Protein backbone atom coordinates (compact mmCIF):
# COMPACT_ATOMS: atom_id res chain seq x y z
CA MET A 1 11.13 94.89 -5.39
CA ILE A 2 9.75 91.38 -4.90
CA PHE A 3 11.00 90.24 -8.32
CA GLN A 4 14.50 91.54 -7.56
CA LEU A 5 14.49 89.78 -4.20
CA ILE A 6 13.39 86.47 -5.71
CA LEU A 7 15.96 86.84 -8.49
CA ALA A 8 18.73 87.58 -5.95
CA VAL A 9 17.82 84.49 -3.91
CA PHE A 10 17.73 82.32 -7.05
CA ILE A 11 21.11 83.59 -8.28
CA ALA A 12 22.66 83.16 -4.83
CA TYR A 13 21.34 79.60 -4.69
CA LEU A 14 22.81 78.80 -8.11
CA ILE A 15 26.18 80.30 -7.23
CA GLY A 16 26.25 78.50 -3.89
CA SER A 17 25.51 75.16 -5.51
CA ILE A 18 28.80 75.08 -7.42
CA PRO A 19 31.00 72.47 -5.65
CA PHE A 20 34.47 73.86 -6.36
CA SER A 21 36.19 71.14 -4.36
CA LEU A 22 34.52 68.37 -6.37
CA VAL A 23 35.28 70.06 -9.67
CA PHE A 24 38.89 70.79 -8.71
CA VAL A 25 39.72 67.25 -7.54
CA LYS A 26 37.97 65.75 -10.57
CA LEU A 27 40.04 67.94 -12.90
CA VAL A 28 43.37 67.42 -11.12
CA ILE A 29 43.42 63.73 -10.20
CA LYS A 30 40.28 62.29 -11.84
CA LYS A 31 38.79 61.01 -8.55
CA ASP A 32 35.51 61.58 -6.79
CA LEU A 33 36.17 63.55 -3.63
CA ARG A 34 33.19 62.00 -1.86
CA GLU A 35 34.66 58.50 -2.09
CA SER A 36 38.07 59.27 -0.54
CA GLY A 37 39.41 60.72 2.70
CA SER A 38 36.69 61.94 5.02
CA LYS A 39 34.14 61.72 2.17
CA ASN A 40 33.34 65.39 2.72
CA ALA A 41 33.25 67.77 -0.24
CA GLY A 42 35.26 70.53 1.39
CA ALA A 43 38.61 72.28 1.25
CA LEU A 44 40.23 70.15 3.96
CA ASN A 45 39.37 66.88 2.24
CA THR A 46 40.64 68.41 -1.00
CA PHE A 47 43.93 69.06 0.77
CA ARG A 48 44.11 65.51 2.08
CA ILE A 49 43.44 63.85 -1.26
CA ILE A 50 45.59 66.16 -3.42
CA SER A 51 48.51 66.01 -0.98
CA LYS A 52 48.43 62.19 -1.00
CA GLU A 53 48.47 62.08 -4.80
CA LYS A 54 50.57 65.10 -5.78
CA GLY A 55 52.51 66.16 -2.67
CA MET A 56 52.23 68.67 0.15
CA LEU A 57 52.65 71.93 -1.81
CA PRO A 58 49.91 71.16 -4.38
CA GLY A 59 47.73 70.06 -1.45
CA ILE A 60 48.20 73.37 0.35
CA LEU A 61 47.62 75.36 -2.83
CA SER A 62 44.46 73.40 -3.59
CA PHE A 63 43.20 74.00 -0.04
CA LEU A 64 43.75 77.74 -0.40
CA LEU A 65 42.25 77.89 -3.88
CA VAL A 66 39.11 75.97 -2.94
CA GLY A 67 38.75 78.03 0.26
CA VAL A 68 39.01 81.31 -1.62
CA LEU A 69 36.60 80.13 -4.33
CA ASP A 70 34.08 78.99 -1.70
CA ALA A 71 34.34 82.30 0.16
CA GLY A 72 34.09 84.11 -3.17
CA LYS A 73 30.74 82.44 -3.83
CA GLY A 74 29.37 84.17 -0.76
CA VAL A 75 30.90 87.51 -1.68
CA ILE A 76 29.57 87.38 -5.24
CA ALA A 77 26.10 86.34 -4.07
CA LEU A 78 25.99 89.22 -1.59
CA LEU A 79 27.20 91.75 -4.13
CA ILE A 80 24.59 90.61 -6.65
CA ALA A 81 21.86 90.72 -4.01
CA LYS A 82 23.01 94.16 -2.90
CA ALA A 83 22.99 95.43 -6.48
CA LEU A 84 19.51 94.05 -7.13
CA VAL A 85 17.78 94.79 -3.82
CA ALA A 86 19.64 97.66 -2.12
CA PRO A 87 18.27 100.41 -4.39
CA TYR A 88 14.79 99.49 -3.14
CA SER A 89 15.74 98.95 0.49
CA LEU A 90 14.85 101.49 3.15
CA ALA A 91 16.68 99.60 5.88
CA CYS A 92 20.12 100.01 4.34
CA PRO A 93 20.17 102.65 1.61
CA ASP A 94 23.90 103.34 1.81
CA CYS A 95 25.40 100.01 2.88
CA ASN A 96 29.11 99.89 2.33
CA THR A 97 30.16 97.08 -0.03
CA ILE A 98 33.53 96.69 1.68
CA THR A 99 31.78 96.05 4.99
CA VAL A 100 29.66 93.33 3.38
CA VAL A 101 32.69 91.69 1.76
CA TYR A 102 34.65 91.88 5.02
CA ALA A 103 31.79 90.27 6.94
CA VAL A 104 31.58 87.38 4.47
CA LEU A 105 35.32 86.80 4.53
CA LEU A 106 35.36 86.99 8.32
CA THR A 107 32.69 84.32 8.63
CA ALA A 108 34.21 82.14 5.88
CA PHE A 109 37.61 81.87 7.49
């Protein structure tokens, strides 16, 4: 039980540390996101920088893509943690995965 919990936390930390906005802007326009716009590595700054360089539609699509990827990190981390820890949990033996995914998406957007 303790090993699964530690493993779930470690995997969630690794998944959460992937900066999709930095990777996406670096791949698309070869710039560092943290040196332009608001200097924030987030979806809104991705929109600002991509829309200046490539136009409004690519900016909107990049905003949506980075937002979905960032929310997906939370969903994947929760699903992995649920798969590793839930079989040993007495507090929530029959948690519904859809409820967990809905809660993450609700808080992400």
